[in-house]
Amino acid sequence: MTSSSVPTLYRDRDTIIHDRDPRVKILLLILLFFFIFLAPTWEWFALVTVLGLVLAVAAQTPWRWVLVLWAIHIPTFLALLIIPAGGELIAGNFSALAEAAAAELRLILAWTNAIIISVSLLSTIDAESLTDGMRALYFPPVVAFAVGLSYRLLYVTLGEAFRITSAMKIKGVDLSLKRPFRFIWNSLRLSFPVLFAVLRRGPTLMSSLAMRGYQTKRPNLGGFDAGDWILLLIGVVLTVGAFCAKFGWLPFSLSSLVPW
């Protein structure tokens, strides 16, 4: 597999989400973090899940990334559901079972929100724009530099892994899940060449970024346009609404608006 076949999260497409300011996307990711901890009920997460799907469609999000990241957490979802539910079923406590199911639904929707929205936003922002946005938001230069470097090293690691895997197949080292123990052993044999390749290329990449002024310059990205303000306003309203609902400051309950 060639480096051109390396799966990348960023997609260079012409969408209304791609055109948004990188600072807005970074701020939305920060607001998402607070929303997940503030949203009091599953109805809030369900609302944001619907909006996240709209965002994903508008951004032409690579759905394979979303499905893979979501599927990784399926064992966790099942464990968190089966362990509490099993004990309640044995005890015959069906009311507690319903509470456990509601808590599990809240957790699943929270993870779904985090995956859909973060993948949708990050798939529309490249490494350079991400670094520029962080610097324009007055993140510490070392933090912005580290994030930009890590973002690039991720693809360097994937590229080296695919290149070395293709080369080692010629030597008879194949990564096949049909033989689990051989798969583990061959993965270990592959990991060391990949590690040393990344360590060899990492300092070069770091030096090239430093020479371009990534640690010193603060880019001038200009002001937000109407689309930026609307997207940011939606994120702020949802986060503030979840905060008020958590402390009972809203004049209505979101669950009362759900017909079932």
Protein backbone atom coordinates (compact mmCIF):
# COMPACT_ATOMS: atom_id res chain seq x y z
CA MET A 1 0.00 0.00 0.00
CA THR A 2 1.43 3.34 -1.03
CA SER A 3 1.49 6.53 0.98
CA SER A 4 -1.25 7.90 -1.26
CA SER A 5 -3.53 5.17 0.13
CA VAL A 6 -3.03 6.27 3.74
CA PRO A 7 -6.45 7.06 5.26
CA THR A 8 -6.56 10.73 6.21
CA LEU A 9 -9.21 12.45 8.25
CA TYR A 10 -8.98 15.81 6.49
CA ARG A 11 -10.92 16.12 3.22
CA ASP A 12 -10.31 19.12 0.96
CA ARG A 13 -13.86 19.79 -0.23
CA ASP A 14 -15.98 22.82 -1.05
CA THR A 15 -18.63 22.89 1.70
CA ILE A 16 -20.05 25.56 3.98
CA ILE A 17 -18.32 23.88 6.93
CA HIS A 18 -14.93 23.84 5.20
CA ASP A 19 -15.31 27.58 4.61
CA ARG A 20 -15.78 28.35 8.29
CA ASP A 21 -12.99 29.98 10.31
CA PRO A 22 -10.72 27.45 12.08
CA ARG A 23 -11.10 29.42 15.31
CA VAL A 24 -14.85 28.72 15.24
CA LYS A 25 -14.26 24.99 14.83
CA ILE A 26 -11.79 24.92 17.72
CA LEU A 27 -14.21 26.84 19.93
CA LEU A 28 -17.00 24.40 19.00
CA LEU A 29 -14.81 21.47 20.05
CA ILE A 30 -14.21 23.18 23.40
CA LEU A 31 -17.95 23.85 23.82
CA LEU A 32 -18.67 20.19 22.97
CA PHE A 33 -16.40 19.11 25.83
CA PHE A 34 -18.34 21.23 28.32
CA PHE A 35 -21.71 20.23 26.88
CA ILE A 36 -21.02 16.52 27.39
CA PHE A 37 -20.40 17.10 31.10
CA LEU A 38 -23.28 19.56 31.54
CA ALA A 39 -26.18 17.97 29.62
CA PRO A 40 -28.53 16.58 32.29
CA THR A 41 -30.71 14.15 30.31
CA TRP A 42 -30.57 11.95 27.25
CA GLU A 43 -32.96 14.30 25.44
CA TRP A 44 -30.25 16.96 25.28
CA PHE A 45 -27.81 14.45 23.82
CA ALA A 46 -30.44 13.25 21.32
CA LEU A 47 -30.97 16.84 20.15
CA VAL A 48 -27.25 17.40 19.63
CA THR A 49 -26.95 14.02 17.88
CA VAL A 50 -29.50 15.17 15.30
CA LEU A 51 -27.66 18.48 14.85
CA GLY A 52 -24.38 16.57 14.63
CA LEU A 53 -25.76 14.44 11.80
CA VAL A 54 -26.82 17.60 9.98
CA LEU A 55 -23.30 18.97 10.47
CA ALA A 56 -21.79 15.72 9.17
CA VAL A 57 -23.90 15.81 6.03
CA ALA A 58 -23.08 19.48 5.42
CA ALA A 59 -19.35 18.78 5.89
CA GLN A 60 -19.44 15.62 3.71
CA THR A 61 -17.87 13.78 6.62
CA PRO A 62 -16.00 10.53 5.87
CA TRP A 63 -18.48 8.12 7.44
CA ARG A 64 -15.95 5.29 7.63
CA TRP A 65 -14.07 7.20 10.35
CA VAL A 66 -17.30 7.74 12.29
CA LEU A 67 -18.37 4.10 12.06
CA VAL A 68 -14.97 2.72 13.02
CA LEU A 69 -14.58 5.02 16.02
CA TRP A 70 -18.13 4.25 17.15
CA ALA A 71 -17.71 0.49 16.68
CA ILE A 72 -14.59 0.52 18.87
CA HIS A 73 -16.78 1.46 21.85
CA ILE A 74 -19.45 -1.21 21.33
CA PRO A 75 -17.81 -3.63 23.83
CA THR A 76 -17.77 -0.83 26.41
CA PHE A 77 -21.43 -0.04 25.81
CA LEU A 78 -22.40 -3.70 26.18
CA ALA A 79 -20.36 -4.15 29.35
CA LEU A 80 -21.83 -1.06 30.98
CA LEU A 81 -25.33 -2.24 30.07
CA ILE A 82 -25.05 -5.94 30.91
CA ILE A 83 -23.25 -5.63 34.25
CA PRO A 84 -25.75 -3.27 35.96
CA ALA A 85 -28.77 -4.77 34.20
CA GLY A 86 -27.81 -8.33 35.09
CA GLY A 87 -27.69 -7.57 38.79
CA GLU A 88 -30.99 -5.72 38.73
CA LEU A 89 -32.71 -8.51 36.80
CA ILE A 90 -31.52 -11.11 39.29
CA ALA A 91 -32.76 -8.94 42.15
CA GLY A 92 -36.06 -8.31 40.37
CA ASN A 93 -35.60 -4.55 40.67
CA PHE A 94 -37.13 -3.46 37.34
CA SER A 95 -37.34 0.24 38.27
CA ALA A 96 -33.58 0.34 38.79
CA LEU A 97 -33.22 -1.51 35.48
CA ALA A 98 -35.03 1.32 33.71
CA GLU A 99 -32.72 3.85 35.37
CA ALA A 100 -29.68 1.87 34.27
CA ALA A 101 -31.02 1.74 30.70
CA ALA A 102 -31.57 5.53 30.70
CA ALA A 103 -28.05 6.11 31.98
CA GLU A 104 -26.67 3.78 29.31
CA LEU A 105 -28.62 5.62 26.59
CA ARG A 106 -27.20 8.91 27.86
CA LEU A 107 -23.67 7.47 27.69
CA ILE A 108 -24.13 6.08 24.17
CA LEU A 109 -25.52 9.37 22.90
CA ALA A 110 -22.71 11.32 24.59
CA TRP A 111 -20.06 9.20 22.84
CA THR A 112 -21.98 9.48 19.57
CA ASN A 113 -22.05 13.28 19.90
CA ALA A 114 -18.34 13.43 20.59
CA ILE A 115 -17.46 11.19 17.64
CA ILE A 116 -19.78 12.68 15.01
CA ILE A 117 -19.09 16.33 15.81
CA SER A 118 -15.34 16.04 16.37
CA VAL A 119 -14.81 13.96 13.20
CA SER A 120 -17.03 16.34 11.19
CA LEU A 121 -15.10 19.40 12.35
CA LEU A 122 -11.61 17.90 12.15
CA SER A 123 -12.28 16.51 8.68
CA THR A 124 -12.69 20.10 7.47
CA ILE A 125 -9.52 21.57 8.96
CA ASP A 126 -5.96 20.72 7.95
CA ALA A 127 -2.95 20.69 10.24
CA GLU A 128 -1.76 24.17 9.29
CA SER A 129 -5.19 25.76 9.75
CA LEU A 130 -5.56 23.99 13.09
CA THR A 131 -2.27 25.43 14.29
CA ASP A 132 -3.12 28.91 12.94
CA GLY A 133 -6.50 28.82 14.67
CA MET A 134 -4.97 27.88 18.01
CA ARG A 135 -2.36 30.62 17.73
CA ALA A 136 -5.02 33.17 16.76
CA LEU A 137 -6.99 32.15 19.87
CA TYR A 138 -3.89 32.90 22.00
CA PHE A 139 -3.12 29.31 22.92
CA PRO A 140 0.43 29.03 24.27
CA PRO A 141 2.82 28.70 21.32
CA VAL A 142 4.24 25.42 22.62
CA VAL A 143 0.73 23.92 22.84
CA ALA A 144 -0.21 24.97 19.30
CA PHE A 145 3.13 23.71 18.01
CA ALA A 146 2.74 20.35 19.79
CA VAL A 147 -0.79 19.83 18.45
CA GLY A 148 0.25 20.68 14.90
CA LEU A 149 3.27 18.38 15.12
CA SER A 150 1.22 15.52 16.59
CA TYR A 151 -1.40 15.93 13.87
CA ARG A 152 1.26 15.57 11.20
CA LEU A 153 3.07 12.73 12.96
CA LEU A 154 -0.17 10.73 12.98
CA TYR A 155 -0.13 10.56 9.19
CA VAL A 156 3.61 10.00 9.11
CA THR A 157 3.09 6.99 11.40
CA LEU A 158 0.26 5.62 9.24
CA GLY A 159 2.31 6.11 6.08
CA GLU A 160 5.34 4.36 7.52
CA ALA A 161 3.18 1.52 8.86
CA PHE A 162 1.63 0.85 5.46
CA ARG A 163 4.96 1.14 3.66
CA ILE A 164 6.77 -1.22 6.05
CA THR A 165 3.84 -3.66 6.06
CA SER A 166 3.96 -3.89 2.27
CA ALA A 167 7.72 -4.45 2.37
CA MET A 168 7.49 -7.13 5.07
CA LYS A 169 4.81 -9.05 3.15
CA ILE A 170 7.46 -9.80 0.56
CA LYS A 171 9.46 -11.47 3.35
CA GLY A 172 6.46 -13.55 4.35
CA VAL A 173 5.37 -11.44 7.33
CA ASP A 174 1.61 -11.16 6.91
CA LEU A 175 -0.90 -9.55 9.28
CA SER A 176 -3.86 -11.92 9.13
CA LEU A 177 -6.47 -12.25 11.85
CA LYS A 178 -7.03 -15.91 10.92
CA ARG A 179 -4.04 -16.75 13.13
CA PRO A 180 -4.34 -14.53 16.23
CA PHE A 181 -1.02 -15.47 17.87
CA ARG A 182 0.92 -15.05 14.64
CA PHE A 183 -0.89 -11.73 14.14
CA ILE A 184 0.29 -10.50 17.56
CA TRP A 185 3.85 -11.66 16.92
CA ASN A 186 4.02 -10.09 13.47
CA SER A 187 2.51 -6.86 14.83
CA LEU A 188 5.36 -6.68 17.33
CA ARG A 189 7.85 -7.28 14.55
CA LEU A 190 6.25 -4.46 12.60
CA SER A 191 6.03 -2.00 15.49
CA PHE A 192 9.78 -1.56 16.00
CA PRO A 193 10.61 -0.57 12.37
CA VAL A 194 7.66 1.85 12.41
CA LEU A 195 8.81 3.33 15.72
CA PHE A 196 12.36 3.91 14.52
CA ALA A 197 11.13 5.35 11.20
CA VAL A 198 8.93 7.87 13.02
CA LEU A 199 11.72 8.76 15.45
CA ARG A 200 13.97 9.37 12.47
CA ARG A 201 11.50 11.61 10.66
CA GLY A 202 10.06 13.36 13.72
CA PRO A 203 13.00 15.73 14.41
CA THR A 204 13.17 16.68 10.73
CA LEU A 205 9.48 17.54 10.71
CA MET A 206 9.86 19.48 13.97
CA SER A 207 12.76 21.50 12.57
CA SER A 208 10.92 22.32 9.36
CA LEU A 209 7.91 23.60 11.31
CA ALA A 210 10.13 25.67 13.59
CA MET A 211 11.87 27.23 10.58
CA ARG A 212 8.48 28.29 9.22
CA GLY A 213 7.80 30.22 12.43
CA TYR A 214 5.12 28.03 13.94
CA GLN A 215 6.32 28.77 17.47
CA THR A 216 6.57 32.54 17.11
CA LYS A 217 4.16 34.00 14.57
CA ARG A 218 0.50 34.72 15.34
CA PRO A 219 -1.53 34.65 12.10
CA ASN A 220 -4.02 37.35 11.23
CA LEU A 221 -7.17 35.45 10.23
CA GLY A 222 -9.41 38.50 10.11
CA GLY A 223 -12.93 38.67 11.53
CA PHE A 224 -15.77 36.17 11.54
CA ASP A 225 -18.39 36.26 8.80
CA ALA A 226 -22.13 35.64 9.25
CA GLY A 227 -21.78 31.88 8.84
CA ASP A 228 -19.08 31.74 11.53
CA TRP A 229 -21.21 33.69 14.00
CA ILE A 230 -24.30 31.54 13.35
CA LEU A 231 -22.40 28.27 13.87
CA LEU A 232 -20.72 29.59 17.01
CA LEU A 233 -24.02 30.95 18.35
CA ILE A 234 -25.67 27.52 18.00
CA GLY A 235 -22.88 25.95 20.04
CA VAL A 236 -23.07 28.62 22.74
CA VAL A 237 -26.88 28.41 23.02
CA LEU A 238 -26.81 24.62 23.40
CA THR A 239 -24.05 24.69 26.01
CA VAL A 240 -25.64 27.50 28.03
CA GLY A 241 -29.03 25.78 27.77
CA ALA A 242 -27.58 22.51 29.08
CA PHE A 243 -25.92 24.41 31.93
CA CYS A 244 -29.18 26.11 32.91
CA ALA A 245 -31.12 22.84 32.64
CA LYS A 246 -28.64 21.09 34.88
CA PHE A 247 -29.29 23.56 37.69
CA GLY A 248 -33.04 23.90 37.04
CA TRP A 249 -32.89 27.44 35.69
CA LEU A 250 -34.86 26.76 32.50
CA PRO A 251 -38.61 27.58 32.54
CA PHE A 252 -39.30 24.30 30.71
CA SER A 253 -37.95 20.77 30.53
CA LEU A 254 -36.64 19.42 27.27
CA SER A 255 -38.18 16.04 28.09
CA SER A 256 -41.63 17.67 28.14
CA LEU A 257 -41.20 18.51 24.46
CA VAL A 258 -40.61 14.85 23.53
CA PRO A 259 -43.91 13.24 22.51
CA TRP A 260 -43.12 9.80 24.01
